[in-house]
Amino acid sequence: MIVVVIIGVISAGVLLSVNLTGKDRDLDKESERLLTLVNYAREQAEIQTREYGVIFHEDGYQFVAYDTRRQRWREVYEDEILRLRKLPDGLDVKLIVDARPVVLVPTSDVKPSDPKDRKPQAKSVKDVSSLKDAVSAGRKMGEDTKSTLDEAKKIAPQVTIFSNGDMSSFEVTIEREGGIRSVTIAIDEKGKVIEKPMVETRT
């Protein structure tokens, strides 16, 4: 009985998100938001002359910026607008980059980083009292470097927004679960980010 009630509530929620004219409010809203944020990040890349990127997930997306000092990608924690965003239940993301589909992971796999992005410093050799400690410190330093490289790989964006305004060739589709209806955002032949008309599949 409880399971039936839960299914009924979920179904009602999905039905309420689609009004009588056939429009999907959540889908419209999220696709418009993504288009606006991509264009905003593009403007910021040109204004700040720095590279930005977008990491897409099965159920959301996030923006990252390239830190030239540390030579790695990081979250844009100084701009709340470009934070990690999770789509409402029932919406999924599909991504194609350079005409190739990309396998995405859910946002639940993303671990938030420290806004200060600080790592404890390994001991220098001159501070170590014995050879054993020196070897240990060297090993720890190597582990820290490997860990940093691993983290940098994890946060690498699939779509890059260059400082001159150019972008990777991509198509991202936000779709209602099961592919009932979808909206695709892509780069056109003039390099403009556009939103294609909603596609609805009749079953």
N, C-alpha and C. Protein backbone atom coordinates (compact mmCIF):
# COMPACT_ATOMS: atom_id res chain seq x y z
N MET A 1 0.83 -1.20 0.00
CA MET A 1 0.00 0.00 0.00
C MET A 1 0.87 1.27 0.00
N ILE A 2 1.90 1.26 0.86
CA ILE A 2 2.80 2.42 0.95
C ILE A 2 3.52 2.62 -0.37
N VAL A 3 3.95 1.51 -0.99
CA VAL A 3 4.66 1.59 -2.28
C VAL A 3 3.76 2.21 -3.34
N VAL A 4 2.49 1.83 -3.35
CA VAL A 4 1.53 2.36 -4.32
C VAL A 4 1.36 3.87 -4.13
N VAL A 5 1.28 4.30 -2.86
CA VAL A 5 1.14 5.74 -2.55
C VAL A 5 2.35 6.50 -3.04
N ILE A 6 3.56 5.96 -2.79
CA ILE A 6 4.80 6.62 -3.21
C ILE A 6 4.84 6.77 -4.72
N ILE A 7 4.50 5.69 -5.43
CA ILE A 7 4.48 5.73 -6.90
C ILE A 7 3.48 6.77 -7.39
N GLY A 8 2.33 6.84 -6.71
CA GLY A 8 1.31 7.83 -7.08
C GLY A 8 1.81 9.25 -6.92
N VAL A 9 2.50 9.51 -5.81
CA VAL A 9 3.03 10.86 -5.54
C VAL A 9 4.05 11.25 -6.60
N ILE A 10 4.98 10.31 -6.94
CA ILE A 10 6.00 10.59 -7.94
C ILE A 10 5.36 10.86 -9.30
N SER A 11 4.38 10.05 -9.66
CA SER A 11 3.69 10.22 -10.95
C SER A 11 2.98 11.56 -11.00
N ALA A 12 2.35 11.94 -9.89
CA ALA A 12 1.65 13.22 -9.84
C ALA A 12 2.62 14.37 -10.01
N GLY A 13 3.79 14.25 -9.40
CA GLY A 13 4.81 15.30 -9.52
C GLY A 13 5.25 15.50 -10.94
N VAL A 14 5.46 14.38 -11.65
CA VAL A 14 5.87 14.45 -13.06
C VAL A 14 4.77 15.07 -13.90
N LEU A 15 3.53 14.67 -13.65
CA LEU A 15 2.39 15.20 -14.42
C LEU A 15 2.21 16.69 -14.18
N LEU A 16 2.41 17.12 -12.94
CA LEU A 16 2.23 18.54 -12.62
C LEU A 16 3.30 19.41 -13.28
N SER A 17 4.47 18.79 -13.54
CA SER A 17 5.54 19.58 -14.17
C SER A 17 5.28 19.81 -15.65
N VAL A 18 4.31 19.10 -16.21
CA VAL A 18 3.95 19.27 -17.61
C VAL A 18 2.54 19.86 -17.66
N ASN A 19 2.42 21.08 -18.16
CA ASN A 19 1.09 21.71 -18.14
C ASN A 19 0.25 21.27 -19.33
N LEU A 20 -0.95 21.80 -19.44
CA LEU A 20 -1.91 21.35 -20.44
C LEU A 20 -1.48 21.63 -21.87
N THR A 21 -0.57 22.57 -22.08
CA THR A 21 -0.12 22.90 -23.43
C THR A 21 0.97 21.94 -23.90
N GLY A 22 1.37 21.00 -23.04
CA GLY A 22 2.39 20.03 -23.42
C GLY A 22 3.81 20.46 -23.10
N LYS A 23 3.96 21.62 -22.51
CA LYS A 23 5.30 22.11 -22.17
C LYS A 23 5.76 21.49 -20.85
N ASP A 24 7.04 21.24 -20.79
CA ASP A 24 7.66 20.67 -19.59
C ASP A 24 8.38 21.80 -18.87
N ARG A 25 7.78 22.29 -17.79
CA ARG A 25 8.32 23.47 -17.12
C ARG A 25 9.73 23.26 -16.60
N ASP A 26 9.98 22.11 -15.94
CA ASP A 26 11.31 21.84 -15.42
C ASP A 26 12.34 21.78 -16.54
N LEU A 27 12.00 21.10 -17.62
CA LEU A 27 12.91 20.97 -18.75
C LEU A 27 13.19 22.32 -19.38
N ASP A 28 12.15 23.12 -19.59
CA ASP A 28 12.32 24.47 -20.14
C ASP A 28 13.23 25.31 -19.25
N LYS A 29 12.94 25.28 -17.97
CA LYS A 29 13.68 26.10 -17.01
C LYS A 29 15.16 25.72 -16.95
N GLU A 30 15.43 24.40 -16.86
CA GLU A 30 16.81 23.94 -16.72
C GLU A 30 17.62 24.14 -17.99
N SER A 31 17.00 23.95 -19.14
CA SER A 31 17.73 24.17 -20.40
C SER A 31 18.05 25.65 -20.59
N GLU A 32 17.11 26.51 -20.23
CA GLU A 32 17.33 27.96 -20.31
C GLU A 32 18.42 28.39 -19.33
N ARG A 33 18.41 27.81 -18.14
CA ARG A 33 19.43 28.13 -17.14
C ARG A 33 20.83 27.74 -17.62
N LEU A 34 20.93 26.52 -18.17
CA LEU A 34 22.22 26.05 -18.65
C LEU A 34 22.74 26.93 -19.78
N LEU A 35 21.88 27.30 -20.71
CA LEU A 35 22.28 28.18 -21.81
C LEU A 35 22.80 29.51 -21.27
N THR A 36 22.08 30.07 -20.31
CA THR A 36 22.48 31.35 -19.72
C THR A 36 23.82 31.24 -19.00
N LEU A 37 24.01 30.16 -18.24
CA LEU A 37 25.25 29.98 -17.48
C LEU A 37 26.46 29.75 -18.39
N VAL A 38 26.27 29.00 -19.47
CA VAL A 38 27.37 28.77 -20.41
C VAL A 38 27.80 30.10 -21.03
N ASN A 39 26.83 30.91 -21.44
CA ASN A 39 27.16 32.22 -22.02
C ASN A 39 27.79 33.15 -20.99
N TYR A 40 27.34 33.05 -19.74
CA TYR A 40 27.92 33.85 -18.67
C TYR A 40 29.38 33.46 -18.44
N ALA A 41 29.65 32.15 -18.37
CA ALA A 41 31.02 31.66 -18.17
C ALA A 41 31.90 32.07 -19.34
N ARG A 42 31.34 32.08 -20.52
CA ARG A 42 32.10 32.49 -21.71
C ARG A 42 32.50 33.95 -21.62
N GLU A 43 31.58 34.79 -21.16
CA GLU A 43 31.88 36.21 -20.97
C GLU A 43 32.97 36.40 -19.93
N GLN A 44 32.86 35.65 -18.82
CA GLN A 44 33.86 35.75 -17.75
C GLN A 44 35.23 35.29 -18.24
N ALA A 45 35.27 34.29 -19.09
CA ALA A 45 36.55 33.80 -19.63
C ALA A 45 37.24 34.90 -20.44
N GLU A 46 36.46 35.63 -21.22
CA GLU A 46 37.03 36.72 -22.03
C GLU A 46 37.42 37.91 -21.17
N ILE A 47 36.57 38.26 -20.21
CA ILE A 47 36.85 39.41 -19.34
C ILE A 47 38.09 39.17 -18.49
N GLN A 48 38.19 37.97 -17.92
CA GLN A 48 39.30 37.64 -17.02
C GLN A 48 40.51 37.04 -17.73
N THR A 49 40.38 36.83 -19.05
CA THR A 49 41.41 36.17 -19.85
C THR A 49 41.94 34.90 -19.16
N ARG A 50 41.01 34.02 -18.85
CA ARG A 50 41.37 32.74 -18.24
C ARG A 50 40.45 31.66 -18.80
N GLU A 51 40.89 30.42 -18.71
CA GLU A 51 40.09 29.32 -19.23
C GLU A 51 39.07 28.84 -18.19
N TYR A 52 37.87 28.60 -18.67
CA TYR A 52 36.82 27.98 -17.88
C TYR A 52 36.47 26.65 -18.53
N GLY A 53 35.74 25.83 -17.81
CA GLY A 53 35.30 24.56 -18.36
C GLY A 53 33.99 24.13 -17.73
N VAL A 54 33.35 23.15 -18.35
CA VAL A 54 32.10 22.60 -17.82
C VAL A 54 32.27 21.10 -17.67
N ILE A 55 31.93 20.60 -16.48
CA ILE A 55 31.91 19.17 -16.23
C ILE A 55 30.45 18.74 -16.14
N PHE A 56 30.04 17.87 -17.04
CA PHE A 56 28.66 17.40 -17.05
C PHE A 56 28.56 16.07 -16.33
N HIS A 57 27.47 15.87 -15.61
CA HIS A 57 27.18 14.63 -14.90
C HIS A 57 25.87 14.06 -15.43
N GLU A 58 25.56 12.85 -15.03
CA GLU A 58 24.29 12.23 -15.46
C GLU A 58 23.09 13.08 -15.08
N ASP A 59 23.18 13.75 -13.95
CA ASP A 59 22.03 14.48 -13.40
C ASP A 59 22.37 15.91 -13.01
N GLY A 60 23.37 16.50 -13.66
CA GLY A 60 23.73 17.88 -13.33
C GLY A 60 24.99 18.31 -14.05
N TYR A 61 25.58 19.41 -13.57
CA TYR A 61 26.79 19.96 -14.19
C TYR A 61 27.44 20.95 -13.23
N GLN A 62 28.69 21.27 -13.49
CA GLN A 62 29.40 22.27 -12.71
C GLN A 62 30.45 22.95 -13.58
N PHE A 63 30.80 24.17 -13.21
CA PHE A 63 31.82 24.92 -13.93
C PHE A 63 33.12 24.89 -13.15
N VAL A 64 34.23 24.90 -13.88
CA VAL A 64 35.55 24.93 -13.27
C VAL A 64 36.39 26.00 -13.96
N ALA A 65 37.46 26.42 -13.31
CA ALA A 65 38.38 27.41 -13.86
C ALA A 65 39.79 26.86 -13.80
N TYR A 66 40.63 27.29 -14.74
CA TYR A 66 42.01 26.80 -14.76
C TYR A 66 42.88 27.72 -13.92
N ASP A 67 43.54 27.14 -12.92
CA ASP A 67 44.44 27.86 -12.04
C ASP A 67 45.84 27.79 -12.65
N THR A 68 46.30 28.91 -13.23
CA THR A 68 47.60 28.91 -13.91
C THR A 68 48.76 28.75 -12.93
N ARG A 69 48.59 29.22 -11.69
CA ARG A 69 49.66 29.10 -10.70
C ARG A 69 49.88 27.64 -10.30
N ARG A 70 48.78 26.93 -10.05
CA ARG A 70 48.88 25.53 -9.67
C ARG A 70 48.84 24.58 -10.87
N GLN A 71 48.52 25.16 -12.04
CA GLN A 71 48.46 24.39 -13.29
C GLN A 71 47.49 23.21 -13.18
N ARG A 72 46.28 23.53 -12.75
CA ARG A 72 45.24 22.51 -12.68
C ARG A 72 43.86 23.17 -12.64
N TRP A 73 42.84 22.37 -12.91
CA TRP A 73 41.47 22.85 -12.85
C TRP A 73 40.97 22.83 -11.42
N ARG A 74 40.09 23.76 -11.10
CA ARG A 74 39.50 23.81 -9.76
C ARG A 74 38.08 24.35 -9.86
N GLU A 75 37.31 24.14 -8.78
CA GLU A 75 35.95 24.67 -8.74
C GLU A 75 35.98 26.21 -8.72
N VAL A 76 34.93 26.82 -9.25
CA VAL A 76 34.84 28.29 -9.25
C VAL A 76 34.15 28.69 -7.96
N TYR A 77 34.84 28.49 -6.83
CA TYR A 77 34.20 28.72 -5.54
C TYR A 77 34.00 30.20 -5.22
N GLU A 78 34.66 31.10 -5.99
CA GLU A 78 34.49 32.54 -5.74
C GLU A 78 33.26 33.11 -6.45
N ASP A 79 32.60 32.30 -7.28
CA ASP A 79 31.40 32.76 -8.00
C ASP A 79 30.28 31.75 -7.77
N GLU A 80 29.35 32.11 -6.90
CA GLU A 80 28.26 31.22 -6.50
C GLU A 80 27.38 30.82 -7.69
N ILE A 81 27.33 31.67 -8.70
CA ILE A 81 26.48 31.40 -9.88
C ILE A 81 26.94 30.14 -10.60
N LEU A 82 28.26 29.88 -10.57
CA LEU A 82 28.82 28.76 -11.32
C LEU A 82 29.04 27.51 -10.45
N ARG A 83 28.25 27.38 -9.39
CA ARG A 83 28.38 26.24 -8.48
C ARG A 83 27.87 24.94 -9.13
N LEU A 84 28.12 23.84 -8.45
CA LEU A 84 27.58 22.55 -8.88
C LEU A 84 26.06 22.59 -8.82
N ARG A 85 25.41 22.16 -9.89
CA ARG A 85 23.95 22.16 -9.94
C ARG A 85 23.43 20.77 -10.27
N LYS A 86 22.46 20.33 -9.49
CA LYS A 86 21.82 19.03 -9.72
C LYS A 86 20.45 19.27 -10.33
N LEU A 87 20.13 18.54 -11.38
CA LEU A 87 18.84 18.70 -12.04
C LEU A 87 17.72 18.08 -11.20
N PRO A 88 16.49 18.55 -11.37
CA PRO A 88 15.34 17.95 -10.67
C PRO A 88 15.21 16.47 -11.04
N ASP A 89 14.63 15.70 -10.14
CA ASP A 89 14.40 14.28 -10.41
C ASP A 89 13.61 14.10 -11.70
N GLY A 90 14.02 13.12 -12.48
CA GLY A 90 13.32 12.85 -13.73
C GLY A 90 13.99 13.44 -14.95
N LEU A 91 15.03 14.28 -14.74
CA LEU A 91 15.78 14.86 -15.86
C LEU A 91 17.19 14.27 -15.89
N ASP A 92 17.65 13.95 -17.09
CA ASP A 92 18.98 13.37 -17.28
C ASP A 92 19.76 14.19 -18.29
N VAL A 93 21.08 13.98 -18.30
CA VAL A 93 21.96 14.70 -19.22
C VAL A 93 22.65 13.71 -20.15
N LYS A 94 22.71 14.06 -21.43
CA LYS A 94 23.48 13.31 -22.42
C LYS A 94 24.47 14.30 -23.05
N LEU A 95 25.70 13.86 -23.29
CA LEU A 95 26.73 14.76 -23.81
C LEU A 95 27.46 14.15 -24.99
N ILE A 96 27.68 14.98 -26.02
CA ILE A 96 28.50 14.60 -27.18
C ILE A 96 29.56 15.68 -27.35
N VAL A 97 30.82 15.28 -27.38
CA VAL A 97 31.94 16.21 -27.58
C VAL A 97 32.72 15.75 -28.80
N ASP A 98 32.93 16.68 -29.74
CA ASP A 98 33.63 16.35 -30.99
C ASP A 98 33.01 15.12 -31.66
N ALA A 99 31.68 15.10 -31.70
CA ALA A 99 30.90 14.04 -32.36
C ALA A 99 31.01 12.68 -31.67
N ARG A 100 31.50 12.64 -30.44
CA ARG A 100 31.60 11.37 -29.70
C ARG A 100 30.81 11.45 -28.40
N PRO A 101 29.99 10.43 -28.12
CA PRO A 101 29.25 10.43 -26.86
C PRO A 101 30.19 10.25 -25.67
N VAL A 102 29.88 10.91 -24.57
CA VAL A 102 30.71 10.87 -23.36
C VAL A 102 29.95 10.15 -22.25
N VAL A 103 30.63 9.23 -21.58
CA VAL A 103 30.02 8.52 -20.44
C VAL A 103 30.08 9.44 -19.23
N LEU A 104 28.94 9.67 -18.59
CA LEU A 104 28.85 10.60 -17.46
C LEU A 104 28.63 9.85 -16.15
N VAL A 105 29.03 10.50 -15.06
CA VAL A 105 28.82 9.93 -13.72
C VAL A 105 27.82 10.82 -12.98
N PRO A 106 27.12 10.29 -11.97
CA PRO A 106 26.16 11.11 -11.22
C PRO A 106 26.84 12.14 -10.33
N THR A 107 26.11 13.20 -9.98
CA THR A 107 26.66 14.24 -9.12
C THR A 107 27.00 13.71 -7.73
N SER A 108 26.38 12.61 -7.33
CA SER A 108 26.66 12.03 -6.00
C SER A 108 28.11 11.55 -5.89
N ASP A 109 28.78 11.36 -7.05
CA ASP A 109 30.18 10.93 -7.04
C ASP A 109 31.15 12.09 -6.87
N VAL A 110 30.62 13.31 -6.87
CA VAL A 110 31.48 14.50 -6.78
C VAL A 110 31.73 14.84 -5.32
N LYS A 111 33.00 14.96 -4.95
CA LYS A 111 33.36 15.35 -3.59
C LYS A 111 33.70 16.83 -3.58
N PRO A 112 33.02 17.62 -2.74
CA PRO A 112 33.32 19.06 -2.69
C PRO A 112 34.74 19.31 -2.20
N SER A 113 35.41 20.25 -2.84
CA SER A 113 36.78 20.56 -2.44
C SER A 113 36.80 21.70 -1.43
N ASP A 114 37.91 21.82 -0.75
CA ASP A 114 38.10 22.89 0.22
C ASP A 114 38.19 24.21 -0.55
N PRO A 115 37.36 25.20 -0.23
CA PRO A 115 37.42 26.49 -0.94
C PRO A 115 38.80 27.12 -0.92
N LYS A 116 39.55 26.92 0.15
CA LYS A 116 40.89 27.49 0.23
C LYS A 116 41.90 26.66 -0.56
N ASP A 117 41.47 25.44 -0.91
CA ASP A 117 42.30 24.56 -1.74
C ASP A 117 43.70 24.42 -1.17
N ARG A 118 43.78 24.21 0.12
CA ARG A 118 45.08 24.09 0.77
C ARG A 118 45.40 22.64 1.06
N LYS A 119 46.66 22.31 0.93
CA LYS A 119 47.12 20.96 1.25
C LYS A 119 48.23 21.08 2.28
N PRO A 120 48.30 20.15 3.27
CA PRO A 120 49.37 20.21 4.24
C PRO A 120 50.72 20.03 3.56
N GLN A 121 51.70 20.83 3.96
CA GLN A 121 53.02 20.77 3.36
C GLN A 121 53.81 19.60 3.93
N ALA A 122 54.53 18.91 3.04
CA ALA A 122 55.39 17.82 3.50
C ALA A 122 56.64 18.40 4.15
N LYS A 123 57.23 17.68 5.07
CA LYS A 123 58.43 18.15 5.75
C LYS A 123 59.58 18.28 4.77
N SER A 124 60.41 19.31 4.94
CA SER A 124 61.61 19.43 4.13
C SER A 124 62.70 18.56 4.75
N VAL A 125 63.70 18.20 3.94
CA VAL A 125 64.75 17.30 4.41
C VAL A 125 65.53 17.90 5.58
N LYS A 126 65.73 19.21 5.59
CA LYS A 126 66.54 19.83 6.65
C LYS A 126 65.84 19.76 8.01
N ASP A 127 64.51 19.54 8.01
CA ASP A 127 63.77 19.45 9.27
C ASP A 127 63.71 18.03 9.81
N VAL A 128 64.27 17.07 9.08
CA VAL A 128 64.16 15.67 9.47
C VAL A 128 65.42 15.26 10.21
N SER A 129 65.25 14.54 11.32
CA SER A 129 66.38 14.22 12.19
C SER A 129 67.15 12.98 11.78
N SER A 130 66.54 12.10 10.98
CA SER A 130 67.23 10.86 10.63
C SER A 130 67.02 10.51 9.17
N LEU A 131 67.83 9.59 8.65
CA LEU A 131 67.74 9.15 7.27
C LEU A 131 66.39 8.49 7.02
N LYS A 132 65.92 7.73 8.00
CA LYS A 132 64.62 7.05 7.87
C LYS A 132 63.50 8.07 7.69
N ASP A 133 63.57 9.15 8.49
CA ASP A 133 62.57 10.20 8.38
C ASP A 133 62.66 10.91 7.03
N ALA A 134 63.89 11.08 6.53
CA ALA A 134 64.09 11.74 5.25
C ALA A 134 63.45 10.94 4.13
N VAL A 135 63.67 9.62 4.15
CA VAL A 135 63.07 8.74 3.14
C VAL A 135 61.55 8.81 3.22
N SER A 136 61.04 8.77 4.47
CA SER A 136 59.60 8.84 4.68
C SER A 136 59.02 10.14 4.16
N ALA A 137 59.73 11.26 4.41
CA ALA A 137 59.27 12.57 3.95
C ALA A 137 59.25 12.63 2.43
N GLY A 138 60.30 12.06 1.81
CA GLY A 138 60.36 12.04 0.35
C GLY A 138 59.22 11.25 -0.24
N ARG A 139 58.90 10.10 0.38
CA ARG A 139 57.80 9.27 -0.08
C ARG A 139 56.48 10.01 0.05
N LYS A 140 56.31 10.71 1.21
CA LYS A 140 55.08 11.46 1.46
C LYS A 140 54.91 12.57 0.40
N MET A 141 56.05 13.24 0.05
CA MET A 141 55.99 14.31 -0.94
C MET A 141 55.55 13.76 -2.28
N GLY A 142 56.08 12.56 -2.63
CA GLY A 142 55.69 11.91 -3.88
C GLY A 142 54.23 11.53 -3.88
N GLU A 143 53.73 11.06 -2.73
CA GLU A 143 52.33 10.68 -2.61
C GLU A 143 51.42 11.90 -2.78
N ASP A 144 51.86 13.03 -2.17
CA ASP A 144 51.07 14.25 -2.29
C ASP A 144 50.97 14.70 -3.74
N THR A 145 52.11 14.61 -4.47
CA THR A 145 52.13 15.00 -5.87
C THR A 145 51.22 14.10 -6.69
N LYS A 146 51.28 12.80 -6.44
CA LYS A 146 50.44 11.84 -7.16
C LYS A 146 48.97 12.10 -6.86
N SER A 147 48.66 12.38 -5.57
CA SER A 147 47.29 12.67 -5.17
C SER A 147 46.77 13.91 -5.88
N THR A 148 47.62 14.95 -5.97
CA THR A 148 47.24 16.19 -6.63
C THR A 148 46.95 15.94 -8.11
N LEU A 149 47.80 15.14 -8.77
CA LEU A 149 47.59 14.83 -10.18
C LEU A 149 46.31 14.03 -10.39
N ASP A 150 46.06 13.09 -9.48
CA ASP A 150 44.83 12.29 -9.57
C ASP A 150 43.60 13.17 -9.45
N GLU A 151 43.62 14.12 -8.48
CA GLU A 151 42.50 15.02 -8.29
C GLU A 151 42.30 15.91 -9.51
N ALA A 152 43.43 16.36 -10.10
CA ALA A 152 43.35 17.22 -11.28
C ALA A 152 42.70 16.49 -12.44
N LYS A 153 43.01 15.19 -12.58
CA LYS A 153 42.41 14.39 -13.65
C LYS A 153 40.91 14.25 -13.42
N LYS A 154 40.51 14.06 -12.16
CA LYS A 154 39.09 13.87 -11.84
C LYS A 154 38.27 15.11 -12.19
N ILE A 155 38.87 16.29 -12.05
CA ILE A 155 38.11 17.52 -12.20
C ILE A 155 38.27 18.12 -13.60
N ALA A 156 38.96 17.44 -14.51
CA ALA A 156 39.14 17.96 -15.86
C ALA A 156 37.80 18.06 -16.59
N PRO A 157 37.51 19.22 -17.19
CA PRO A 157 36.21 19.40 -17.86
C PRO A 157 36.14 18.69 -19.20
N GLN A 158 34.91 18.32 -19.61
CA GLN A 158 34.72 17.74 -20.94
C GLN A 158 34.60 18.83 -22.00
N VAL A 159 34.09 20.02 -21.57
CA VAL A 159 33.93 21.16 -22.48
C VAL A 159 34.78 22.30 -21.96
N THR A 160 35.65 22.83 -22.83
CA THR A 160 36.54 23.93 -22.44
C THR A 160 36.07 25.24 -23.05
N ILE A 161 36.10 26.30 -22.23
CA ILE A 161 35.79 27.65 -22.69
C ILE A 161 37.09 28.43 -22.62
N PHE A 162 37.65 28.75 -23.78
CA PHE A 162 38.96 29.40 -23.84
C PHE A 162 38.86 30.90 -23.56
N SER A 163 40.00 31.48 -23.19
CA SER A 163 40.03 32.90 -22.79
C SER A 163 39.68 33.85 -23.93
N ASN A 164 39.79 33.37 -25.18
CA ASN A 164 39.43 34.22 -26.32
C ASN A 164 37.95 34.08 -26.72
N GLY A 165 37.22 33.25 -25.95
CA GLY A 165 35.79 33.07 -26.22
C GLY A 165 35.47 31.82 -27.02
N ASP A 166 36.49 31.17 -27.59
CA ASP A 166 36.23 29.93 -28.33
C ASP A 166 35.83 28.82 -27.36
N MET A 167 35.14 27.81 -27.89
CA MET A 167 34.69 26.69 -27.06
C MET A 167 34.88 25.37 -27.78
N SER A 168 34.95 24.30 -26.99
CA SER A 168 34.96 22.95 -27.56
C SER A 168 33.65 22.73 -28.33
N SER A 169 33.72 21.90 -29.35
CA SER A 169 32.51 21.53 -30.08
C SER A 169 31.73 20.52 -29.24
N PHE A 170 30.48 20.85 -28.90
CA PHE A 170 29.71 19.96 -28.02
C PHE A 170 28.22 20.06 -28.29
N GLU A 171 27.52 19.04 -27.85
CA GLU A 171 26.06 19.02 -27.81
C GLU A 171 25.65 18.40 -26.50
N VAL A 172 24.93 19.14 -25.67
CA VAL A 172 24.44 18.59 -24.41
C VAL A 172 22.92 18.57 -24.45
N THR A 173 22.36 17.43 -24.11
CA THR A 173 20.91 17.26 -24.15
C THR A 173 20.38 16.99 -22.76
N ILE A 174 19.41 17.80 -22.37
CA ILE A 174 18.69 17.54 -21.12
C ILE A 174 17.37 16.89 -21.51
N GLU A 175 17.11 15.70 -20.97
CA GLU A 175 15.92 14.98 -21.39
C GLU A 175 15.10 14.49 -20.20
N ARG A 176 13.81 14.39 -20.43
CA ARG A 176 12.91 13.79 -19.45
C ARG A 176 13.22 12.29 -19.42
N GLU A 177 13.23 11.72 -18.24
CA GLU A 177 13.59 10.32 -18.06
C GLU A 177 12.86 9.42 -19.07
N GLY A 178 13.64 8.59 -19.76
CA GLY A 178 13.06 7.73 -20.77
C GLY A 178 13.07 8.35 -22.16
N GLY A 179 13.57 9.60 -22.26
CA GLY A 179 13.66 10.26 -23.56
C GLY A 179 12.33 10.72 -24.13
N ILE A 180 11.33 10.94 -23.25
CA ILE A 180 10.00 11.37 -23.71
C ILE A 180 10.10 12.71 -24.44
N ARG A 181 10.83 13.65 -23.84
CA ARG A 181 11.06 14.95 -24.48
C ARG A 181 12.45 15.44 -24.08
N SER A 182 13.05 16.25 -24.93
CA SER A 182 14.41 16.70 -24.67
C SER A 182 14.69 18.03 -25.33
N VAL A 183 15.70 18.73 -24.77
CA VAL A 183 16.18 19.99 -25.34
C VAL A 183 17.69 19.89 -25.47
N THR A 184 18.23 20.28 -26.62
CA THR A 184 19.67 20.21 -26.86
C THR A 184 20.27 21.60 -26.98
N ILE A 185 21.40 21.79 -26.30
CA ILE A 185 22.16 23.04 -26.38
C ILE A 185 23.48 22.71 -27.06
N ALA A 186 23.86 23.50 -28.06
CA ALA A 186 25.04 23.17 -28.84
C ALA A 186 25.69 24.43 -29.42
N ILE A 187 26.86 24.23 -30.03
CA ILE A 187 27.56 25.30 -30.74
C ILE A 187 27.14 25.25 -32.21
N ASP A 188 26.71 26.38 -32.76
CA ASP A 188 26.34 26.37 -34.18
C ASP A 188 27.56 26.66 -35.04
N GLU A 189 27.35 26.75 -36.36
CA GLU A 189 28.47 26.93 -37.30
C GLU A 189 29.17 28.28 -37.13
N LYS A 190 28.49 29.25 -36.48
CA LYS A 190 29.10 30.56 -36.25
C LYS A 190 29.78 30.66 -34.88
N GLY A 191 29.76 29.55 -34.14
CA GLY A 191 30.41 29.55 -32.82
C GLY A 191 29.52 30.07 -31.71
N LYS A 192 28.23 30.25 -32.01
CA LYS A 192 27.29 30.73 -31.00
C LYS A 192 26.65 29.56 -30.28
N VAL A 193 26.44 29.72 -28.96
CA VAL A 193 25.76 28.67 -28.19
C VAL A 193 24.26 28.87 -28.36
N ILE A 194 23.59 27.85 -28.85
CA ILE A 194 22.16 27.96 -29.15
C ILE A 194 21.37 26.86 -28.45
N GLU A 195 20.08 27.12 -28.27
CA GLU A 195 19.17 26.11 -27.74
C GLU A 195 18.26 25.65 -28.86
N LYS A 196 18.29 24.37 -29.17
CA LYS A 196 17.45 23.83 -30.23
C LYS A 196 16.03 23.62 -29.71
N PRO A 197 15.05 23.60 -30.60
CA PRO A 197 13.66 23.40 -30.17
C PRO A 197 13.49 22.06 -29.44
N MET A 198 12.54 22.03 -28.51
CA MET A 198 12.27 20.80 -27.78
C MET A 198 11.82 19.69 -28.73
N VAL A 199 12.33 18.50 -28.47
CA VAL A 199 11.95 17.33 -29.25
C VAL A 199 11.10 16.43 -28.35
N GLU A 200 9.95 16.03 -28.86
CA GLU A 200 9.07 15.16 -28.07
C GLU A 200 8.86 13.85 -28.81
N THR A 201 9.05 12.75 -28.10
CA THR A 201 8.87 11.43 -28.70
C THR A 201 7.52 10.87 -28.28
N ARG A 202 6.70 10.56 -29.25
CA ARG A 202 5.39 9.98 -28.97
C ARG A 202 5.54 8.48 -28.80
N THR A 203 5.02 7.94 -27.70
CA THR A 203 5.10 6.50 -27.47
C THR A 203 3.74 5.87 -27.64
